[in-house]
Amino acid sequence: MNEPRSASTVMRIEADHPALAGHFPGRPVIPGVVLLDRIAALAELAGLGQLRRIAMLKFLSPALPEQVLELQIEREGMRARFAVKRDGQTILRGEGEMT
């Protein structure tokens, strides 16, 4: 039986999410830690393992509340590549180690 190698999902962070209160008042931006938490949860839910360490992370554009975002993660051996996209454009990309 082949183990899963990749997973993706679509998500939206609502404007009343508690993490947005101080990040930034008047012009909220989804904190990177919220996006990374969702990527780690996707990996576990899909049976890819746990994201143990982030080796590289690049924020290319801010994610705003209510935007539809696509999360993607691909595992190869112990390494994983992940991305967050909005309207097909990558706004976050990174690499890490899996357990």
C-alpha atoms as a PDB file:
ATOM      1  CA  MET A   1       0.000   0.000   0.000  1.00  0.00           C
ATOM      2  CA  ASN A   2       1.384   3.425  -0.981  1.00  0.00           C
ATOM      3  CA  GLU A   3       1.559   6.077   1.677  1.00  0.00           C
ATOM      4  CA  PRO A   4       0.178   9.529   0.771  1.00  0.00           C
ATOM      5  CA  ARG A   5       2.742  11.889  -0.745  1.00  0.00           C
ATOM      6  CA  SER A   6       0.744  15.109  -1.112  1.00  0.00           C
ATOM      7  CA  ALA A   7      -2.376  16.845   0.094  1.00  0.00           C
ATOM      8  CA  SER A   8      -4.252  20.074  -0.504  1.00  0.00           C
ATOM      9  CA  THR A   9      -7.282  21.854   0.853  1.00  0.00           C
ATOM     10  CA  VAL A  10      -9.073  25.161   0.599  1.00  0.00           C
ATOM     11  CA  MET A  11      -9.648  27.337   3.646  1.00  0.00           C
ATOM     12  CA  ARG A  12     -10.829  30.758   4.726  1.00  0.00           C
ATOM     13  CA  ILE A  13     -10.016  32.567   7.976  1.00  0.00           C
ATOM     14  CA  GLU A  14     -13.009  34.566   9.116  1.00  0.00           C
ATOM     15  CA  ALA A  15     -12.685  38.224  10.104  1.00  0.00           C
ATOM     16  CA  ASP A  16     -13.591  37.460  13.725  1.00  0.00           C
ATOM     17  CA  HIS A  17     -10.783  34.904  14.237  1.00  0.00           C
ATOM     18  CA  PRO A  18      -9.164  35.624  17.645  1.00  0.00           C
ATOM     19  CA  ALA A  19      -5.630  35.820  16.184  1.00  0.00           C
ATOM     20  CA  LEU A  20      -6.582  38.860  14.110  1.00  0.00           C
ATOM     21  CA  ALA A  21      -7.399  41.128  17.057  1.00  0.00           C
ATOM     22  CA  GLY A  22      -3.862  42.455  17.458  1.00  0.00           C
ATOM     23  CA  HIS A  23      -2.482  41.680  14.017  1.00  0.00           C
ATOM     24  CA  PHE A  24      -3.000  44.588  12.908  1.00  0.00           C
ATOM     25  CA  PRO A  25      -5.842  46.749  14.255  1.00  0.00           C
ATOM     26  CA  GLY A  26      -7.715  48.481  11.458  1.00  0.00           C
ATOM     27  CA  ARG A  27      -6.050  46.372   8.733  1.00  0.00           C
ATOM     28  CA  PRO A  28      -5.903  42.750   9.894  1.00  0.00           C
ATOM     29  CA  VAL A  29      -3.470  40.299   8.337  1.00  0.00           C
ATOM     30  CA  ILE A  30      -3.567  36.561   9.013  1.00  0.00           C
ATOM     31  CA  PRO A  31      -0.533  35.776  11.209  1.00  0.00           C
ATOM     32  CA  GLY A  32       1.986  33.400   9.668  1.00  0.00           C
ATOM     33  CA  VAL A  33       1.691  31.098  12.669  1.00  0.00           C
ATOM     34  CA  VAL A  34      -2.001  30.544  11.844  1.00  0.00           C
ATOM     35  CA  LEU A  35      -1.126  29.550   8.268  1.00  0.00           C
ATOM     36  CA  LEU A  36       1.673  27.253   9.440  1.00  0.00           C
ATOM     37  CA  ASP A  37      -0.643  25.639  11.983  1.00  0.00           C
ATOM     38  CA  ARG A  38      -3.133  24.884   9.202  1.00  0.00           C
ATOM     39  CA  ILE A  39      -0.389  23.428   6.989  1.00  0.00           C
ATOM     40  CA  ALA A  40       0.821  21.184   9.837  1.00  0.00           C
ATOM     41  CA  ALA A  41      -2.763  20.081  10.531  1.00  0.00           C
ATOM     42  CA  LEU A  42      -3.300  19.270   6.841  1.00  0.00           C
ATOM     43  CA  ALA A  43      -0.162  17.099   6.800  1.00  0.00           C
ATOM     44  CA  GLU A  44      -1.309  15.130   9.831  1.00  0.00           C
ATOM     45  CA  LEU A  45      -4.903  14.776   8.643  1.00  0.00           C
ATOM     46  CA  ALA A  46      -3.719  13.497   5.257  1.00  0.00           C
ATOM     47  CA  GLY A  47      -1.438  10.907   6.852  1.00  0.00           C
ATOM     48  CA  LEU A  48       1.767  12.592   5.700  1.00  0.00           C
ATOM     49  CA  GLY A  49       3.219  12.755   9.228  1.00  0.00           C
ATOM     50  CA  GLN A  50       4.069  15.636  11.502  1.00  0.00           C
ATOM     51  CA  LEU A  51       5.878  18.754  10.399  1.00  0.00           C
ATOM     52  CA  ARG A  52       8.823  18.619  12.790  1.00  0.00           C
ATOM     53  CA  ARG A  53      11.002  21.512  11.671  1.00  0.00           C
ATOM     54  CA  ILE A  54      10.765  24.364   9.187  1.00  0.00           C
ATOM     55  CA  ALA A  55      13.980  24.792   7.236  1.00  0.00           C
ATOM     56  CA  MET A  56      12.908  27.618   4.912  1.00  0.00           C
ATOM     57  CA  LEU A  57       9.933  29.946   4.864  1.00  0.00           C
ATOM     58  CA  LYS A  58       9.146  32.833   2.528  1.00  0.00           C
ATOM     59  CA  PHE A  59       6.146  35.153   2.793  1.00  0.00           C
ATOM     60  CA  LEU A  60       5.506  36.666  -0.658  1.00  0.00           C
ATOM     61  CA  SER A  61       2.244  38.494   0.022  1.00  0.00           C
ATOM     62  CA  PRO A  62      -0.045  38.979   3.042  1.00  0.00           C
ATOM     63  CA  ALA A  63      -3.100  36.793   3.533  1.00  0.00           C
ATOM     64  CA  LEU A  64      -6.190  38.749   4.544  1.00  0.00           C
ATOM     65  CA  PRO A  65      -9.300  37.608   6.406  1.00  0.00           C
ATOM     66  CA  GLU A  66     -12.124  36.167   4.294  1.00  0.00           C
ATOM     67  CA  GLN A  67      -9.830  35.350   1.362  1.00  0.00           C
ATOM     68  CA  VAL A  68     -10.055  31.840  -0.060  1.00  0.00           C
ATOM     69  CA  LEU A  69      -6.643  30.221   0.323  1.00  0.00           C
ATOM     70  CA  GLU A  70      -5.369  26.916  -1.031  1.00  0.00           C
ATOM     71  CA  LEU A  71      -2.919  24.983   1.140  1.00  0.00           C
ATOM     72  CA  GLN A  72      -0.637  22.417  -0.462  1.00  0.00           C
ATOM     73  CA  ILE A  73       1.964  20.090   0.994  1.00  0.00           C
ATOM     74  CA  GLU A  74       4.110  17.469  -0.719  1.00  0.00           C
ATOM     75  CA  ARG A  75       6.311  14.972   1.083  1.00  0.00           C
ATOM     76  CA  GLU A  76       9.388  13.294  -0.346  1.00  0.00           C
ATOM     77  CA  GLY A  77      11.172  11.064   2.156  1.00  0.00           C
ATOM     78  CA  MET A  78      11.620  13.096   5.326  1.00  0.00           C
ATOM     79  CA  ARG A  79      11.412  16.434   3.481  1.00  0.00           C
ATOM     80  CA  ALA A  80       8.272  18.397   2.721  1.00  0.00           C
ATOM     81  CA  ARG A  81       7.489  21.381   0.542  1.00  0.00           C
ATOM     82  CA  PHE A  82       4.426  23.455   1.257  1.00  0.00           C
ATOM     83  CA  ALA A  83       2.665  26.489  -0.146  1.00  0.00           C
ATOM     84  CA  VAL A  84      -0.317  28.736   0.383  1.00  0.00           C
ATOM     85  CA  LYS A  85      -1.923  30.171  -2.741  1.00  0.00           C
ATOM     86  CA  ARG A  86      -4.531  32.836  -3.361  1.00  0.00           C
ATOM     87  CA  ASP A  87      -6.202  32.934  -6.782  1.00  0.00           C
ATOM     88  CA  GLY A  88      -3.486  30.589  -8.089  1.00  0.00           C
ATOM     89  CA  GLN A  89      -0.646  32.865  -6.938  1.00  0.00           C
ATOM     90  CA  THR A  90       1.775  31.625  -4.275  1.00  0.00           C
ATOM     91  CA  ILE A  91       1.735  33.890  -1.218  1.00  0.00           C
ATOM     92  CA  LEU A  92       3.761  31.632   1.122  1.00  0.00           C
ATOM     93  CA  ARG A  93       6.167  28.807   0.415  1.00  0.00           C
ATOM     94  CA  GLY A  94       8.445  26.739   2.551  1.00  0.00           C
ATOM     95  CA  GLU A  95      10.279  23.516   3.231  1.00  0.00           C
ATOM     96  CA  GLY A  96      10.621  21.399   6.319  1.00  0.00           C
ATOM     97  CA  GLU A  97      11.298  18.034   7.896  1.00  0.00           C
ATOM     98  CA  MET A  98       8.625  15.469   8.663  1.00  0.00           C
ATOM     99  CA  THR A  99       8.550  12.754  11.308  1.00  0.00           C
END
